[in-house]
Amino acid sequence: MRILPLLCALLLLVLQGAAGLTLSQGSRQDCERRRGFCSPGSCPPGIGRIGICSEEDLCCRSRWYP
């Protein structure tokens, strides 16, 4: 019975961490507010994906941007 609270705590941590892994569906204005830019298809090399502008466009931002 001592393991049940530990399992519950572990499950809570896993579910909480998984919530931050989703890419937000937004608009061009949301992407620019996050200091990114919309790129059709995929982000250029060296640029990370931080969200989604539309079904065809991804929100991208330089990995070195503060």
PDB file of N, CA and C in Angstrom:
ATOM      1  N   MET A   1       0.803  -1.211   0.000  1.00  0.00           N
ATOM      2  CA  MET A   1       0.000   0.000   0.000  1.00  0.00           C
ATOM      3  C   MET A   1       0.845   1.275   0.000  1.00  0.00           C
ATOM      4  N   ARG A   2       2.114   1.168   0.402  1.00  0.00           N
ATOM      5  CA  ARG A   2       2.972   2.351   0.426  1.00  0.00           C
ATOM      6  C   ARG A   2       3.336   2.815  -0.973  1.00  0.00           C
ATOM      7  N   ILE A   3       3.252   1.943  -1.929  1.00  0.00           N
ATOM      8  CA  ILE A   3       3.651   2.299  -3.282  1.00  0.00           C
ATOM      9  C   ILE A   3       2.560   3.093  -4.018  1.00  0.00           C
ATOM     10  N   LEU A   4       1.331   2.991  -3.593  1.00  0.00           N
ATOM     11  CA  LEU A   4       0.225   3.681  -4.266  1.00  0.00           C
ATOM     12  C   LEU A   4       0.412   5.201  -4.297  1.00  0.00           C
ATOM     13  N   PRO A   5       0.764   5.875  -3.191  1.00  0.00           N
ATOM     14  CA  PRO A   5       0.991   7.328  -3.282  1.00  0.00           C
ATOM     15  C   PRO A   5       2.158   7.682  -4.206  1.00  0.00           C
ATOM     16  N   LEU A   6       3.186   6.849  -4.233  1.00  0.00           N
ATOM     17  CA  LEU A   6       4.308   7.119  -5.141  1.00  0.00           C
ATOM     18  C   LEU A   6       3.895   6.994  -6.597  1.00  0.00           C
ATOM     19  N   LEU A   7       3.074   6.008  -6.901  1.00  0.00           N
ATOM     20  CA  LEU A   7       2.583   5.851  -8.270  1.00  0.00           C
ATOM     21  C   LEU A   7       1.704   7.027  -8.684  1.00  0.00           C
ATOM     22  N   CYS A   8       0.883   7.498  -7.777  1.00  0.00           N
ATOM     23  CA  CYS A   8       0.024   8.653  -8.076  1.00  0.00           C
ATOM     24  C   CYS A   8       0.865   9.896  -8.338  1.00  0.00           C
ATOM     25  N   ALA A   9       1.891  10.112  -7.529  1.00  0.00           N
ATOM     26  CA  ALA A   9       2.767  11.266  -7.725  1.00  0.00           C
ATOM     27  C   ALA A   9       3.515  11.168  -9.056  1.00  0.00           C
ATOM     28  N   LEU A  10       3.998   9.987  -9.393  1.00  0.00           N
ATOM     29  CA  LEU A  10       4.693   9.791 -10.658  1.00  0.00           C
ATOM     30  C   LEU A  10       3.761  10.036 -11.842  1.00  0.00           C
ATOM     31  N   LEU A  11       2.553   9.550 -11.763  1.00  0.00           N
ATOM     32  CA  LEU A  11       1.570   9.767 -12.824  1.00  0.00           C
ATOM     33  C   LEU A  11       1.279  11.257 -12.996  1.00  0.00           C
ATOM     34  N   LEU A  12       1.150  11.974 -11.894  1.00  0.00           N
ATOM     35  CA  LEU A  12       0.902  13.415 -11.958  1.00  0.00           C
ATOM     36  C   LEU A  12       2.062  14.134 -12.643  1.00  0.00           C
ATOM     37  N   LEU A  13       3.297  13.774 -12.307  1.00  0.00           N
ATOM     38  CA  LEU A  13       4.461  14.403 -12.938  1.00  0.00           C
ATOM     39  C   LEU A  13       4.533  14.115 -14.427  1.00  0.00           C
ATOM     40  N   VAL A  14       4.224  12.894 -14.818  1.00  0.00           N
ATOM     41  CA  VAL A  14       4.266  12.520 -16.236  1.00  0.00           C
ATOM     42  C   VAL A  14       3.209  13.284 -17.020  1.00  0.00           C
ATOM     43  N   LEU A  15       2.008  13.369 -16.491  1.00  0.00           N
ATOM     44  CA  LEU A  15       0.936  14.077 -17.193  1.00  0.00           C
ATOM     45  C   LEU A  15       1.200  15.573 -17.248  1.00  0.00           C
ATOM     46  N   GLN A  16       1.776  16.125 -16.205  1.00  0.00           N
ATOM     47  CA  GLN A  16       2.077  17.551 -16.196  1.00  0.00           C
ATOM     48  C   GLN A  16       3.172  17.871 -17.207  1.00  0.00           C
ATOM     49  N   GLY A  17       4.184  17.037 -17.309  1.00  0.00           N
ATOM     50  CA  GLY A  17       5.257  17.259 -18.273  1.00  0.00           C
ATOM     51  C   GLY A  17       4.795  17.095 -19.701  1.00  0.00           C
ATOM     52  N   ALA A  18       3.882  16.173 -19.957  1.00  0.00           N
ATOM     53  CA  ALA A  18       3.388  15.944 -21.306  1.00  0.00           C
ATOM     54  C   ALA A  18       2.558  17.121 -21.809  1.00  0.00           C
ATOM     55  N   ALA A  19       1.960  17.881 -20.909  1.00  0.00           N
ATOM     56  CA  ALA A  19       1.134  19.012 -21.328  1.00  0.00           C
ATOM     57  C   ALA A  19       1.969  20.097 -21.984  1.00  0.00           C
ATOM     58  N   GLY A  20       3.224  20.242 -21.625  1.00  0.00           N
ATOM     59  CA  GLY A  20       4.073  21.268 -22.200  1.00  0.00           C
ATOM     60  C   GLY A  20       4.693  20.885 -23.524  1.00  0.00           C
ATOM     61  N   LEU A  21       4.477  19.669 -23.998  1.00  0.00           N
ATOM     62  CA  LEU A  21       5.107  19.210 -25.221  1.00  0.00           C
ATOM     63  C   LEU A  21       4.293  19.502 -26.472  1.00  0.00           C
ATOM     64  N   THR A  22       3.104  20.005 -26.326  1.00  0.00           N
ATOM     65  CA  THR A  22       2.271  20.244 -27.486  1.00  0.00           C
ATOM     66  C   THR A  22       2.645  21.558 -28.157  1.00  0.00           C
ATOM     67  N   LEU A  23       2.476  21.629 -29.451  1.00  0.00           N
ATOM     68  CA  LEU A  23       2.684  22.857 -30.202  1.00  0.00           C
ATOM     69  C   LEU A  23       1.363  23.608 -30.275  1.00  0.00           C
ATOM     70  N   SER A  24       1.402  24.871 -29.986  1.00  0.00           N
ATOM     71  CA  SER A  24       0.166  25.630 -29.948  1.00  0.00           C
ATOM     72  C   SER A  24      -0.289  26.006 -31.350  1.00  0.00           C
ATOM     73  N   GLN A  25      -1.582  25.829 -31.612  1.00  0.00           N
ATOM     74  CA  GLN A  25      -2.177  26.259 -32.874  1.00  0.00           C
ATOM     75  C   GLN A  25      -2.537  27.720 -32.711  1.00  0.00           C
ATOM     76  N   GLY A  26      -1.918  28.575 -33.459  1.00  0.00           N
ATOM     77  CA  GLY A  26      -2.151  29.998 -33.309  1.00  0.00           C
ATOM     78  C   GLY A  26      -2.285  30.695 -34.638  1.00  0.00           C
ATOM     79  N   SER A  27      -1.994  31.957 -34.626  1.00  0.00           N
ATOM     80  CA  SER A  27      -2.069  32.776 -35.828  1.00  0.00           C
ATOM     81  C   SER A  27      -0.712  33.427 -36.071  1.00  0.00           C
ATOM     82  N   ARG A  28      -0.601  34.124 -37.156  1.00  0.00           N
ATOM     83  CA  ARG A  28       0.637  34.822 -37.479  1.00  0.00           C
ATOM     84  C   ARG A  28       0.970  35.842 -36.387  1.00  0.00           C
ATOM     85  N   GLN A  29      -0.044  36.506 -35.849  1.00  0.00           N
ATOM     86  CA  GLN A  29       0.184  37.494 -34.794  1.00  0.00           C
ATOM     87  C   GLN A  29       0.701  36.822 -33.517  1.00  0.00           C
ATOM     88  N   ASP A  30       0.174  35.648 -33.175  1.00  0.00           N
ATOM     89  CA  ASP A  30       0.653  34.919 -32.004  1.00  0.00           C
ATOM     90  C   ASP A  30       2.112  34.525 -32.183  1.00  0.00           C
ATOM     91  N   CYS A  31       2.472  34.104 -33.367  1.00  0.00           N
ATOM     92  CA  CYS A  31       3.851  33.707 -33.652  1.00  0.00           C
ATOM     93  C   CYS A  31       4.784  34.907 -33.528  1.00  0.00           C
ATOM     94  N   GLU A  32       4.404  36.037 -34.089  1.00  0.00           N
ATOM     95  CA  GLU A  32       5.231  37.234 -34.014  1.00  0.00           C
ATOM     96  C   GLU A  32       5.342  37.736 -32.581  1.00  0.00           C
ATOM     97  N   ARG A  33       4.292  37.559 -31.792  1.00  0.00           N
ATOM     98  CA  ARG A  33       4.314  37.950 -30.388  1.00  0.00           C
ATOM     99  C   ARG A  33       5.334  37.111 -29.606  1.00  0.00           C
ATOM    100  N   ARG A  34       5.538  35.877 -30.059  1.00  0.00           N
ATOM    101  CA  ARG A  34       6.524  34.994 -29.438  1.00  0.00           C
ATOM    102  C   ARG A  34       7.912  35.176 -30.062  1.00  0.00           C
ATOM    103  N   ARG A  35       8.070  36.253 -30.828  1.00  0.00           N
ATOM    104  CA  ARG A  35       9.326  36.612 -31.500  1.00  0.00           C
ATOM    105  C   ARG A  35       9.752  35.557 -32.517  1.00  0.00           C
ATOM    106  N   GLY A  36       8.769  35.031 -33.226  1.00  0.00           N
ATOM    107  CA  GLY A  36       9.038  34.047 -34.263  1.00  0.00           C
ATOM    108  C   GLY A  36       8.560  34.533 -35.612  1.00  0.00           C
ATOM    109  N   PHE A  37       8.638  33.646 -36.600  1.00  0.00           N
ATOM    110  CA  PHE A  37       8.149  33.963 -37.939  1.00  0.00           C
ATOM    111  C   PHE A  37       7.506  32.704 -38.518  1.00  0.00           C
ATOM    112  N   CYS A  38       6.568  32.880 -39.433  1.00  0.00           N
ATOM    113  CA  CYS A  38       5.876  31.759 -40.059  1.00  0.00           C
ATOM    114  C   CYS A  38       6.659  31.314 -41.292  1.00  0.00           C
ATOM    115  N   SER A  39       6.840  30.007 -41.406  1.00  0.00           N
ATOM    116  CA  SER A  39       7.589  29.439 -42.523  1.00  0.00           C
ATOM    117  C   SER A  39       6.739  28.343 -43.171  1.00  0.00           C
ATOM    118  N   PRO A  40       6.577  28.364 -44.490  1.00  0.00           N
ATOM    119  CA  PRO A  40       5.779  27.337 -45.151  1.00  0.00           C
ATOM    120  C   PRO A  40       6.485  25.986 -45.136  1.00  0.00           C
ATOM    121  N   GLY A  41       5.773  24.949 -44.756  1.00  0.00           N
ATOM    122  CA  GLY A  41       6.300  23.580 -44.808  1.00  0.00           C
ATOM    123  C   GLY A  41       7.163  23.190 -43.638  1.00  0.00           C
ATOM    124  N   SER A  42       8.357  23.760 -43.531  1.00  0.00           N
ATOM    125  CA  SER A  42       9.255  23.414 -42.432  1.00  0.00           C
ATOM    126  C   SER A  42      10.136  24.607 -42.106  1.00  0.00           C
ATOM    127  N   CYS A  43      10.777  24.546 -40.952  1.00  0.00           N
ATOM    128  CA  CYS A  43      11.674  25.622 -40.542  1.00  0.00           C
ATOM    129  C   CYS A  43      13.029  25.447 -41.221  1.00  0.00           C
ATOM    130  N   PRO A  44      13.712  26.547 -41.522  1.00  0.00           N
ATOM    131  CA  PRO A  44      15.045  26.455 -42.117  1.00  0.00           C
ATOM    132  C   PRO A  44      16.027  25.763 -41.167  1.00  0.00           C
ATOM    133  N   PRO A  45      17.141  25.249 -41.689  1.00  0.00           N
ATOM    134  CA  PRO A  45      18.149  24.605 -40.834  1.00  0.00           C
ATOM    135  C   PRO A  45      18.678  25.568 -39.767  1.00  0.00           C
ATOM    136  N   GLY A  46      18.841  25.067 -38.552  1.00  0.00           N
ATOM    137  CA  GLY A  46      19.335  25.888 -37.454  1.00  0.00           C
ATOM    138  C   GLY A  46      18.258  26.694 -36.758  1.00  0.00           C
ATOM    139  N   ILE A  47      17.027  26.573 -37.219  1.00  0.00           N
ATOM    140  CA  ILE A  47      15.896  27.308 -36.649  1.00  0.00           C
ATOM    141  C   ILE A  47      14.951  26.292 -36.018  1.00  0.00           C
ATOM    142  N   GLY A  48      14.484  26.561 -34.810  1.00  0.00           N
ATOM    143  CA  GLY A  48      13.606  25.640 -34.111  1.00  0.00           C
ATOM    144  C   GLY A  48      12.131  25.953 -34.310  1.00  0.00           C
ATOM    145  N   ARG A  49      11.307  24.925 -34.231  1.00  0.00           N
ATOM    146  CA  ARG A  49       9.862  25.082 -34.358  1.00  0.00           C
ATOM    147  C   ARG A  49       9.286  25.362 -32.979  1.00  0.00           C
ATOM    148  N   ILE A  50       8.498  26.446 -32.840  1.00  0.00           N
ATOM    149  CA  ILE A  50       7.923  26.802 -31.554  1.00  0.00           C
ATOM    150  C   ILE A  50       6.400  26.795 -31.570  1.00  0.00           C
ATOM    151  N   GLY A  51       5.812  26.528 -32.710  1.00  0.00           N
ATOM    152  CA  GLY A  51       4.357  26.510 -32.794  1.00  0.00           C
ATOM    153  C   GLY A  51       3.885  26.300 -34.213  1.00  0.00           C
ATOM    154  N   ILE A  52       2.597  26.527 -34.413  1.00  0.00           N
ATOM    155  CA  ILE A  52       1.973  26.333 -35.712  1.00  0.00           C
ATOM    156  C   ILE A  52       1.186  27.595 -36.050  1.00  0.00           C
ATOM    157  N   CYS A  53       1.443  28.166 -37.227  1.00  0.00           N
ATOM    158  CA  CYS A  53       0.710  29.356 -37.672  1.00  0.00           C
ATOM    159  C   CYS A  53      -0.616  28.962 -38.327  1.00  0.00           C
ATOM    160  N   SER A  54      -0.574  27.938 -39.173  1.00  0.00           N
ATOM    161  CA  SER A  54      -1.769  27.439 -39.854  1.00  0.00           C
ATOM    162  C   SER A  54      -1.509  25.982 -40.222  1.00  0.00           C
ATOM    163  N   GLU A  55      -2.386  25.382 -40.974  1.00  0.00           N
ATOM    164  CA  GLU A  55      -2.197  23.975 -41.345  1.00  0.00           C
ATOM    165  C   GLU A  55      -0.955  23.780 -42.204  1.00  0.00           C
ATOM    166  N   GLU A  56      -0.571  24.790 -42.978  1.00  0.00           N
ATOM    167  CA  GLU A  56       0.580  24.670 -43.866  1.00  0.00           C
ATOM    168  C   GLU A  56       1.841  25.331 -43.310  1.00  0.00           C
ATOM    169  N   ASP A  57       1.709  26.287 -42.407  1.00  0.00           N
ATOM    170  CA  ASP A  57       2.835  27.087 -41.939  1.00  0.00           C
ATOM    171  C   ASP A  57       3.206  26.760 -40.494  1.00  0.00           C
ATOM    172  N   LEU A  58       4.511  26.740 -40.233  1.00  0.00           N
ATOM    173  CA  LEU A  58       5.017  26.519 -38.887  1.00  0.00           C
ATOM    174  C   LEU A  58       5.579  27.822 -38.330  1.00  0.00           C
ATOM    175  N   CYS A  59       5.489  27.991 -37.034  1.00  0.00           N
ATOM    176  CA  CYS A  59       6.077  29.140 -36.360  1.00  0.00           C
ATOM    177  C   CYS A  59       7.495  28.745 -35.961  1.00  0.00           C
ATOM    178  N   CYS A  60       8.481  29.508 -36.415  1.00  0.00           N
ATOM    179  CA  CYS A  60       9.891  29.171 -36.203  1.00  0.00           C
ATOM    180  C   CYS A  60      10.587  30.324 -35.489  1.00  0.00           C
ATOM    181  N   ARG A  61      11.669  29.977 -34.766  1.00  0.00           N
ATOM    182  CA  ARG A  61      12.480  30.986 -34.102  1.00  0.00           C
ATOM    183  C   ARG A  61      13.894  30.447 -33.960  1.00  0.00           C
ATOM    184  N   SER A  62      14.855  31.335 -34.055  1.00  0.00           N
ATOM    185  CA  SER A  62      16.251  30.948 -33.899  1.00  0.00           C
ATOM    186  C   SER A  62      16.466  30.365 -32.507  1.00  0.00           C
ATOM    187  N   ARG A  63      17.241  29.309 -32.430  1.00  0.00           N
ATOM    188  CA  ARG A  63      17.510  28.674 -31.136  1.00  0.00           C
ATOM    189  C   ARG A  63      18.385  29.550 -30.265  1.00  0.00           C
ATOM    190  N   TRP A  64      19.096  30.474 -30.848  1.00  0.00           N
ATOM    191  CA  TRP A  64      20.014  31.322 -30.103  1.00  0.00           C
ATOM    192  C   TRP A  64      19.385  32.631 -29.679  1.00  0.00           C
ATOM    193  N   TYR A  65      18.091  32.819 -29.953  1.00  0.00           N
ATOM    194  CA  TYR A  65      17.412  34.056 -29.591  1.00  0.00           C
ATOM    195  C   TYR A  65      17.143  34.040 -28.090  1.00  0.00           C
ATOM    196  N   PRO A  66      17.471  35.104 -27.372  1.00  0.00           N
ATOM    197  CA  PRO A  66      17.271  35.121 -25.911  1.00  0.00           C
ATOM    198  C   PRO A  66      15.824  35.120 -25.492  1.00  0.00           C
TER     199      PRO A  66
END
